[in-house]
Amino acid sequence: MEKQWWLKPLPLQHITLQTRIIMEVNHESFTNRDVPYPASFLAAGNIDSSSLERWKDAIHTVHKEEKSIFLQLEAEGDEFHTASRNTALHDIHHMIQIYADKAAKAEQAGFDGVEIPGTKGSVIHSFVSRKSNERTGNWGGSLNDRLHFPLAVARHVREYTRSDFPLFFRLPSVTDTDAAEELAMMARQLEASGVDLFHIGSETDNRSTKTSLQNILHTASSVKNTVSVPVIISTGTTEAVTSTQLKEKNPFDGISVHEGNESWKRLFLSET
């Protein structure tokens, strides 16, 4: 397979990505970055009035090369809270609104779409996980109640952006079958709420062990069996040759790679 499959376009509902590779970058390291192979970009960084012009420069650079750039919606700072019993209801509604406002700003700035982060350690994951969600009622307890927050975020983001503005959702990798089934159920409901692509795993999941990658692949398989939209996996610094071998045996539609992963550069500059 080598390079051919990675170079195939990845169709979403309203746009088509140039290839099946998304490079994860941050704003500072992205500036003037020369990527020797075709890829879309997923940028990490806050979006506010002070950073808007810098983002516009980065977006212009990407669009000049006829590529796409997406923004991961950061959920940091004093305005964000976990799913503890002490988090007031008005704070929950305020957090949902912040996600929607950030997505609207990203669309106005010219990003091609946004990603909602739901991996371990995120605010959303604190609501979804039965281990960290201490609440009862509409925002905790049963699975349906624990899913209330991520579904509200996705629907609100969709409401505040164009219907054809791509929305990604990042899910954690899990280790047991029950948790994978819960994530698959969550993905099914998120797709109905307007999510266009699922991104499985994070850098903290995939940096070191073969087991971590297997967890990502297991989760991706469960989600892909449930949804009709594309599912990509986070491979981080995994060698390009290894990712190619994984694709030959596992169902996923694309990958994200860390910006420092030089193995993809070597693959695409090689003679083979």
Protein backbone atom coordinates (compact mmCIF):
# COMPACT_ATOMS: atom_id res chain seq x y z
CA MET A 1 0.00 0.00 0.00
CA GLU A 2 2.79 2.41 1.03
CA LYS A 3 1.89 5.96 -0.11
CA GLN A 4 -1.10 5.38 -2.36
CA TRP A 5 -3.86 4.99 0.21
CA TRP A 6 -2.72 7.97 2.28
CA LEU A 7 -2.92 10.18 -0.81
CA LYS A 8 -6.56 9.36 -1.50
CA PRO A 9 -8.99 12.23 -0.76
CA LEU A 10 -11.07 11.90 2.40
CA PRO A 11 -14.66 13.00 1.69
CA LEU A 12 -16.65 14.55 4.53
CA GLN A 13 -20.27 15.56 4.30
CA HIS A 14 -19.62 19.04 2.88
CA ILE A 15 -15.90 19.18 2.00
CA THR A 16 -13.20 16.77 0.89
CA LEU A 17 -9.79 16.66 2.56
CA GLN A 18 -6.85 16.51 0.18
CA THR A 19 -5.44 13.33 1.74
CA ARG A 20 -5.99 11.04 4.71
CA ILE A 21 -3.27 12.64 6.84
CA ILE A 22 -3.90 15.45 9.32
CA MET A 23 -0.89 17.07 10.98
CA GLU A 24 -1.38 18.35 14.52
CA VAL A 25 0.30 21.71 15.05
CA ASN A 26 0.23 24.70 17.35
CA HIS A 27 0.23 28.29 16.17
CA GLU A 28 3.81 29.13 17.15
CA SER A 29 5.43 26.14 15.46
CA PHE A 30 3.09 26.26 12.48
CA THR A 31 4.27 29.62 11.15
CA ASN A 32 6.07 29.20 7.81
CA ARG A 33 6.10 25.41 8.20
CA ASP A 34 7.09 23.62 5.00
CA VAL A 35 5.42 20.20 4.88
CA PRO A 36 6.90 18.09 2.05
CA TYR A 37 3.78 15.94 1.66
CA PRO A 38 0.08 16.75 1.30
CA ALA A 39 -1.76 17.01 4.62
CA SER A 40 -4.49 18.98 6.34
CA PHE A 41 -3.79 20.68 9.66
CA LEU A 42 -5.37 20.53 13.11
CA ALA A 43 -4.23 23.53 15.11
CA ALA A 44 -4.14 23.83 18.88
CA GLY A 45 -4.42 27.26 20.42
CA ASN A 46 -6.83 29.77 21.81
CA ILE A 47 -8.84 32.07 19.58
CA ASP A 48 -9.62 35.55 20.88
CA SER A 49 -9.31 39.16 19.75
CA SER A 50 -5.55 39.22 20.44
CA SER A 51 -4.77 36.06 18.44
CA LEU A 52 -7.24 36.54 15.59
CA GLU A 53 -4.88 38.29 13.15
CA ARG A 54 -2.10 35.73 13.75
CA TRP A 55 -4.54 32.92 13.04
CA LYS A 56 -5.69 34.65 9.86
CA ASP A 57 -2.09 34.71 8.60
CA ALA A 58 -1.72 30.97 9.24
CA ILE A 59 -5.07 30.24 7.58
CA HIS A 60 -4.09 32.30 4.53
CA THR A 61 -0.84 30.33 4.20
CA VAL A 62 -2.69 27.00 4.27
CA HIS A 63 -5.42 28.06 1.85
CA LYS A 64 -2.81 29.39 -0.56
CA GLU A 65 -1.58 25.80 -0.86
CA GLU A 66 -5.17 24.56 -1.32
CA LYS A 67 -5.10 22.68 1.99
CA SER A 68 -7.46 22.73 4.97
CA ILE A 69 -6.92 23.84 8.55
CA PHE A 70 -9.13 23.03 11.56
CA LEU A 71 -9.06 24.42 15.09
CA GLN A 72 -9.31 22.34 18.23
CA LEU A 73 -11.52 24.26 20.64
CA GLU A 74 -9.52 24.74 23.82
CA ALA A 75 -11.32 24.40 27.13
CA GLU A 76 -8.98 25.98 29.64
CA GLY A 77 -9.05 28.65 32.30
CA ASP A 78 -11.14 29.62 35.28
CA GLU A 79 -14.38 29.50 33.30
CA PHE A 80 -14.15 25.73 32.86
CA HIS A 81 -15.06 23.23 35.57
CA THR A 82 -15.17 19.45 35.92
CA ALA A 83 -18.30 17.40 36.54
CA SER A 84 -18.15 17.71 40.30
CA ARG A 85 -21.16 18.14 42.54
CA ASN A 86 -19.96 21.67 43.26
CA THR A 87 -20.19 22.89 39.66
CA ALA A 88 -23.25 25.13 39.48
CA LEU A 89 -25.83 24.66 36.74
CA HIS A 90 -25.25 28.16 35.37
CA ASP A 91 -21.51 27.31 35.05
CA ILE A 92 -22.38 24.25 32.96
CA HIS A 93 -24.53 26.32 30.62
CA HIS A 94 -21.79 28.97 30.47
CA MET A 95 -19.20 26.37 29.41
CA ILE A 96 -21.48 25.11 26.64
CA GLN A 97 -21.84 28.68 25.40
CA ILE A 98 -18.06 29.23 25.41
CA TYR A 99 -17.54 26.24 23.08
CA ALA A 100 -20.16 27.65 20.70
CA ASP A 101 -18.67 31.15 20.80
CA LYS A 102 -15.17 29.82 20.09
CA ALA A 103 -16.49 27.79 17.15
CA ALA A 104 -18.26 30.86 15.73
CA LYS A 105 -15.03 32.90 16.03
CA ALA A 106 -13.07 30.12 14.29
CA GLU A 107 -15.54 30.11 11.41
CA GLN A 108 -15.37 33.89 11.11
CA ALA A 109 -11.56 33.76 11.11
CA GLY A 110 -11.60 31.38 8.13
CA PHE A 111 -10.90 27.98 9.65
CA ASP A 112 -12.30 25.10 7.62
CA GLY A 113 -13.86 23.46 10.69
CA VAL A 114 -13.39 22.82 14.41
CA GLU A 115 -12.74 19.89 16.72
CA ILE A 116 -14.37 19.42 20.12
CA PRO A 117 -11.88 17.74 22.51
CA GLY A 118 -13.32 14.84 24.51
CA THR A 119 -10.20 12.83 25.40
CA LYS A 120 -9.06 11.97 28.91
CA GLY A 121 -8.31 15.04 30.98
CA SER A 122 -10.78 17.23 29.10
CA VAL A 123 -13.84 18.90 30.60
CA ILE A 124 -16.09 16.82 28.36
CA HIS A 125 -14.48 13.56 29.45
CA SER A 126 -15.03 14.48 33.10
CA PHE A 127 -18.77 14.52 32.37
CA VAL A 128 -18.77 11.32 30.28
CA SER A 129 -16.64 9.15 32.57
CA ARG A 130 -18.48 7.32 35.33
CA LYS A 131 -15.26 7.51 37.37
CA SER A 132 -15.00 11.31 37.36
CA ASN A 133 -18.65 12.40 37.08
CA GLU A 134 -19.91 12.89 40.63
CA ARG A 135 -23.22 14.46 39.64
CA THR A 136 -26.77 13.12 39.68
CA GLY A 137 -29.80 14.22 37.69
CA ASN A 138 -29.58 15.51 34.12
CA TRP A 139 -25.77 15.88 34.08
CA GLY A 140 -24.60 12.66 35.77
CA GLY A 141 -25.50 9.17 36.91
CA SER A 142 -26.78 7.05 34.01
CA LEU A 143 -24.97 6.96 30.67
CA ASN A 144 -27.71 9.01 29.01
CA ASP A 145 -27.36 11.70 31.66
CA ARG A 146 -23.55 11.66 31.45
CA LEU A 147 -23.83 12.20 27.68
CA HIS A 148 -26.03 15.26 28.19
CA PHE A 149 -23.03 17.64 28.32
CA PRO A 150 -21.12 16.53 25.16
CA LEU A 151 -24.36 16.35 23.18
CA ALA A 152 -25.33 19.85 24.35
CA VAL A 153 -21.89 21.16 23.32
CA ALA A 154 -22.09 19.58 19.85
CA ARG A 155 -25.62 20.83 19.23
CA HIS A 156 -24.78 24.33 20.42
CA VAL A 157 -21.66 24.50 18.25
CA ARG A 158 -23.72 23.34 15.30
CA GLU A 159 -26.35 25.99 16.05
CA TYR A 160 -23.74 28.76 16.13
CA THR A 161 -22.01 27.77 12.86
CA ARG A 162 -23.14 27.10 9.31
CA SER A 163 -24.80 23.76 8.70
CA ASP A 164 -22.00 22.88 6.27
CA PHE A 165 -19.16 23.92 8.63
CA PRO A 166 -17.27 20.68 9.47
CA LEU A 167 -17.40 19.54 13.08
CA PHE A 168 -14.94 16.95 14.42
CA PHE A 169 -15.21 15.27 17.81
CA ARG A 170 -12.21 13.73 19.56
CA LEU A 171 -12.87 10.63 21.64
CA PRO A 172 -10.56 8.87 24.10
CA SER A 173 -9.22 5.38 23.57
CA VAL A 174 -10.50 2.82 26.07
CA THR A 175 -9.35 -0.53 27.35
CA ASP A 176 -12.50 -2.56 28.00
CA THR A 177 -15.41 -3.67 25.88
CA ASP A 178 -18.11 -2.01 28.00
CA ALA A 179 -16.42 1.40 27.75
CA ALA A 180 -15.97 0.96 23.98
CA GLU A 181 -19.68 0.20 23.61
CA GLU A 182 -20.53 3.33 25.60
CA LEU A 183 -18.30 5.44 23.36
CA ALA A 184 -19.90 3.91 20.28
CA MET A 185 -23.34 4.83 21.64
CA MET A 186 -22.06 8.34 22.34
CA ALA A 187 -20.67 8.59 18.80
CA ARG A 188 -24.00 7.53 17.30
CA GLN A 189 -25.81 10.30 19.16
CA LEU A 190 -23.11 12.84 18.34
CA GLU A 191 -23.40 12.01 14.65
CA ALA A 192 -27.14 12.69 14.90
CA SER A 193 -26.22 16.02 16.53
CA GLY A 194 -24.15 17.08 13.52
CA VAL A 195 -20.64 15.66 14.00
CA ASP A 196 -18.89 15.02 10.66
CA LEU A 197 -15.78 13.08 11.75
CA PHE A 198 -14.53 11.21 14.83
CA HIS A 199 -10.90 11.42 15.92
CA ILE A 200 -9.80 8.64 18.30
CA GLY A 201 -7.04 9.02 20.88
CA SER A 202 -4.56 11.71 21.83
CA GLU A 203 -0.81 12.20 22.11
CA THR A 204 -0.84 10.98 25.71
CA ASP A 205 -2.48 7.76 24.49
CA ASN A 206 -0.15 6.89 21.67
CA ARG A 207 3.40 7.94 22.40
CA SER A 208 4.95 4.89 23.98
CA THR A 209 3.45 1.42 23.84
CA LYS A 210 1.99 -1.03 21.42
CA THR A 211 -0.85 -1.53 23.91
CA SER A 212 -1.81 2.15 23.66
CA LEU A 213 -2.13 1.90 19.89
CA GLN A 214 -4.17 -1.28 20.20
CA ASN A 215 -6.58 0.55 22.53
CA ILE A 216 -6.98 3.31 19.95
CA LEU A 217 -7.60 0.77 17.19
CA HIS A 218 -10.10 -1.17 19.33
CA THR A 219 -12.04 2.01 20.07
CA ALA A 220 -11.92 3.14 16.44
CA SER A 221 -13.31 -0.21 15.30
CA SER A 222 -16.23 0.02 17.77
CA VAL A 223 -17.04 3.57 16.70
CA LYS A 224 -16.69 2.84 12.98
CA ASN A 225 -19.14 -0.05 13.27
CA THR A 226 -21.69 2.40 14.69
CA VAL A 227 -21.41 5.59 12.61
CA SER A 228 -21.49 6.42 8.91
CA VAL A 229 -19.05 9.36 9.02
CA PRO A 230 -15.24 8.97 8.80
CA VAL A 231 -13.20 7.78 11.78
CA ILE A 232 -9.51 8.69 12.05
CA ILE A 233 -6.94 7.66 14.66
CA SER A 234 -4.22 9.59 16.45
CA THR A 235 -0.82 8.04 15.70
CA GLY A 236 1.39 10.81 17.10
CA THR A 237 5.04 9.88 16.64
CA THR A 238 4.34 6.33 15.40
CA GLU A 239 6.53 5.49 12.41
CA ALA A 240 4.86 5.87 8.99
CA VAL A 241 5.72 2.27 8.09
CA THR A 242 3.98 1.03 11.27
CA SER A 243 0.88 3.13 10.54
CA THR A 244 0.76 1.65 7.04
CA GLN A 245 0.90 -1.87 8.46
CA LEU A 246 -1.89 -1.01 10.92
CA LYS A 247 -4.13 0.16 8.10
CA GLU A 248 -3.77 -3.16 6.30
CA LYS A 249 -5.46 -4.96 9.23
CA ASN A 250 -7.71 -2.35 10.88
CA PRO A 251 -10.73 -0.27 9.80
CA PHE A 252 -10.11 3.46 9.95
CA ASP A 253 -10.34 6.26 7.40
CA GLY A 254 -7.26 8.37 8.13
CA ILE A 255 -4.75 9.43 10.76
CA SER A 256 -3.41 12.42 12.64
CA VAL A 257 0.34 12.72 13.10
CA HIS A 258 2.49 14.84 15.39
CA GLU A 259 4.21 17.74 13.63
CA GLY A 260 7.58 16.41 14.75
CA ASN A 261 7.06 12.97 13.15
CA GLU A 262 9.80 12.98 10.52
CA SER A 263 9.05 9.43 9.33
CA TRP A 264 6.28 10.71 7.04
CA LYS A 265 8.68 13.12 5.42
CA ARG A 266 11.10 10.26 4.79
CA LEU A 267 8.33 8.09 3.34
CA PHE A 268 7.12 10.69 0.87
CA LEU A 269 10.61 11.78 -0.17
CA SER A 270 11.77 8.20 -0.71
CA GLU A 271 12.04 6.59 -4.12
CA THR A 272 9.72 3.68 -3.24
